[in-house]
Amino acid sequence: MQKTTHVVPAKQGGWNIKAGNGNKASAHFDTKQQAVDRGRQISRNKGSEFFIHGRNGKIQTRDSHGNDPRGTKG
């Protein structure tokens, strides 16, 4: 199972950081940039995939902080 960290819009306003398999937010921020900065730190520490969602909930950006298998030979 792959570990993921997500920055998602909060229903009450602001932005939440959630683990991919979690229902509860691990942190809440007023601005998206604050959430992205903290979420990136968390993702690096966990070695996880990092997803940044837009206001509409769709993934805007994705970044990997885990052990990526090399896609090419050589």
C-alpha atoms as a PDB file:
ATOM      1  CA  MET A   1       0.000   0.000   0.000  1.00  0.00           C
ATOM      2  CA  GLN A   2       1.376   3.353  -1.059  1.00  0.00           C
ATOM      3  CA  LYS A   3       1.555   6.190   1.466  1.00  0.00           C
ATOM      4  CA  THR A   4       0.061   9.514   0.375  1.00  0.00           C
ATOM      5  CA  THR A   5      -0.346  12.999   1.833  1.00  0.00           C
ATOM      6  CA  HIS A   6      -3.007  15.382   0.502  1.00  0.00           C
ATOM      7  CA  VAL A   7      -3.711  19.110   0.781  1.00  0.00           C
ATOM      8  CA  VAL A   8      -7.467  19.500   0.336  1.00  0.00           C
ATOM      9  CA  PRO A   9      -9.992  22.326   0.714  1.00  0.00           C
ATOM     10  CA  ALA A  10     -11.793  22.294   4.054  1.00  0.00           C
ATOM     11  CA  LYS A  11     -15.598  22.444   4.090  1.00  0.00           C
ATOM     12  CA  GLN A  12     -15.538  25.164   6.744  1.00  0.00           C
ATOM     13  CA  GLY A  13     -12.976  27.219   4.771  1.00  0.00           C
ATOM     14  CA  GLY A  14      -9.214  27.076   4.658  1.00  0.00           C
ATOM     15  CA  TRP A  15      -7.141  23.992   3.819  1.00  0.00           C
ATOM     16  CA  ASN A  16      -6.542  20.620   5.463  1.00  0.00           C
ATOM     17  CA  ILE A  17      -3.730  18.105   5.334  1.00  0.00           C
ATOM     18  CA  LYS A  18      -4.912  14.494   5.250  1.00  0.00           C
ATOM     19  CA  ALA A  19      -3.258  11.115   4.976  1.00  0.00           C
ATOM     20  CA  GLY A  20      -4.466   9.183   1.945  1.00  0.00           C
ATOM     21  CA  ASN A  21      -6.231   6.590   4.063  1.00  0.00           C
ATOM     22  CA  GLY A  22      -7.564   8.975   6.700  1.00  0.00           C
ATOM     23  CA  ASN A  23     -10.893  10.702   7.126  1.00  0.00           C
ATOM     24  CA  LYS A  24      -9.731  13.264   9.662  1.00  0.00           C
ATOM     25  CA  ALA A  25      -7.433  16.168   8.909  1.00  0.00           C
ATOM     26  CA  SER A  26      -4.050  16.016  10.599  1.00  0.00           C
ATOM     27  CA  ALA A  27      -3.714  19.814  10.318  1.00  0.00           C
ATOM     28  CA  HIS A  28      -5.768  22.854   9.250  1.00  0.00           C
ATOM     29  CA  PHE A  29      -4.493  26.136   7.790  1.00  0.00           C
ATOM     30  CA  ASP A  30      -6.100  29.383   6.705  1.00  0.00           C
ATOM     31  CA  THR A  31      -4.122  29.615   3.468  1.00  0.00           C
ATOM     32  CA  LYS A  32      -3.307  27.047   0.824  1.00  0.00           C
ATOM     33  CA  GLN A  33       0.377  28.024   0.820  1.00  0.00           C
ATOM     34  CA  GLN A  34       0.693  27.321   4.547  1.00  0.00           C
ATOM     35  CA  ALA A  35      -0.904  23.915   4.047  1.00  0.00           C
ATOM     36  CA  VAL A  36       1.317  23.108   1.052  1.00  0.00           C
ATOM     37  CA  ASP A  37       4.490  24.064   2.931  1.00  0.00           C
ATOM     38  CA  ARG A  38       3.610  21.915   5.947  1.00  0.00           C
ATOM     39  CA  GLY A  39       2.211  19.088   3.829  1.00  0.00           C
ATOM     40  CA  ARG A  40       5.452  18.922   1.833  1.00  0.00           C
ATOM     41  CA  GLN A  41       7.442  18.603   5.076  1.00  0.00           C
ATOM     42  CA  ILE A  42       5.175  15.800   6.273  1.00  0.00           C
ATOM     43  CA  SER A  43       5.392  14.026   2.922  1.00  0.00           C
ATOM     44  CA  ARG A  44       9.193  14.207   2.900  1.00  0.00           C
ATOM     45  CA  ASN A  45       9.368  12.838   6.431  1.00  0.00           C
ATOM     46  CA  LYS A  46       7.032   9.945   5.555  1.00  0.00           C
ATOM     47  CA  GLY A  47       8.584   9.332   2.137  1.00  0.00           C
ATOM     48  CA  SER A  48       5.136   9.565   0.555  1.00  0.00           C
ATOM     49  CA  GLU A  49       3.446  10.790  -2.597  1.00  0.00           C
ATOM     50  CA  PHE A  50       2.235  14.383  -2.152  1.00  0.00           C
ATOM     51  CA  PHE A  51      -0.996  15.605  -3.777  1.00  0.00           C
ATOM     52  CA  ILE A  52      -2.193  19.217  -3.878  1.00  0.00           C
ATOM     53  CA  HIS A  53      -5.881  19.609  -4.675  1.00  0.00           C
ATOM     54  CA  GLY A  54      -7.688  22.689  -5.981  1.00  0.00           C
ATOM     55  CA  ARG A  55     -10.839  24.292  -4.577  1.00  0.00           C
ATOM     56  CA  ASN A  56     -12.872  21.929  -6.773  1.00  0.00           C
ATOM     57  CA  GLY A  57     -11.211  18.921  -5.121  1.00  0.00           C
ATOM     58  CA  LYS A  58      -9.339  17.792  -8.243  1.00  0.00           C
ATOM     59  CA  ILE A  59      -5.600  17.121  -8.081  1.00  0.00           C
ATOM     60  CA  GLN A  60      -3.617  20.087  -9.406  1.00  0.00           C
ATOM     61  CA  THR A  61      -0.071  19.013  -8.561  1.00  0.00           C
ATOM     62  CA  ARG A  62       1.627  15.803  -7.557  1.00  0.00           C
ATOM     63  CA  ASP A  63       5.102  15.251  -6.145  1.00  0.00           C
ATOM     64  CA  SER A  64       6.949  12.163  -4.991  1.00  0.00           C
ATOM     65  CA  HIS A  65       9.074  11.971  -1.861  1.00  0.00           C
ATOM     66  CA  GLY A  66       9.352   8.194  -1.749  1.00  0.00           C
ATOM     67  CA  ASN A  67      11.442   5.512  -3.351  1.00  0.00           C
ATOM     68  CA  ASP A  68      10.515   5.784  -6.996  1.00  0.00           C
ATOM     69  CA  PRO A  69      11.380   2.791  -9.124  1.00  0.00           C
ATOM     70  CA  ARG A  70      13.598   3.819 -11.987  1.00  0.00           C
ATOM     71  CA  GLY A  71      11.554   3.751 -15.185  1.00  0.00           C
ATOM     72  CA  THR A  72      14.452   3.379 -17.602  1.00  0.00           C
ATOM     73  CA  LYS A  73      17.279   0.917 -17.880  1.00  0.00           C
ATOM     74  CA  GLY A  74      20.825   2.079 -17.665  1.00  0.00           C
END
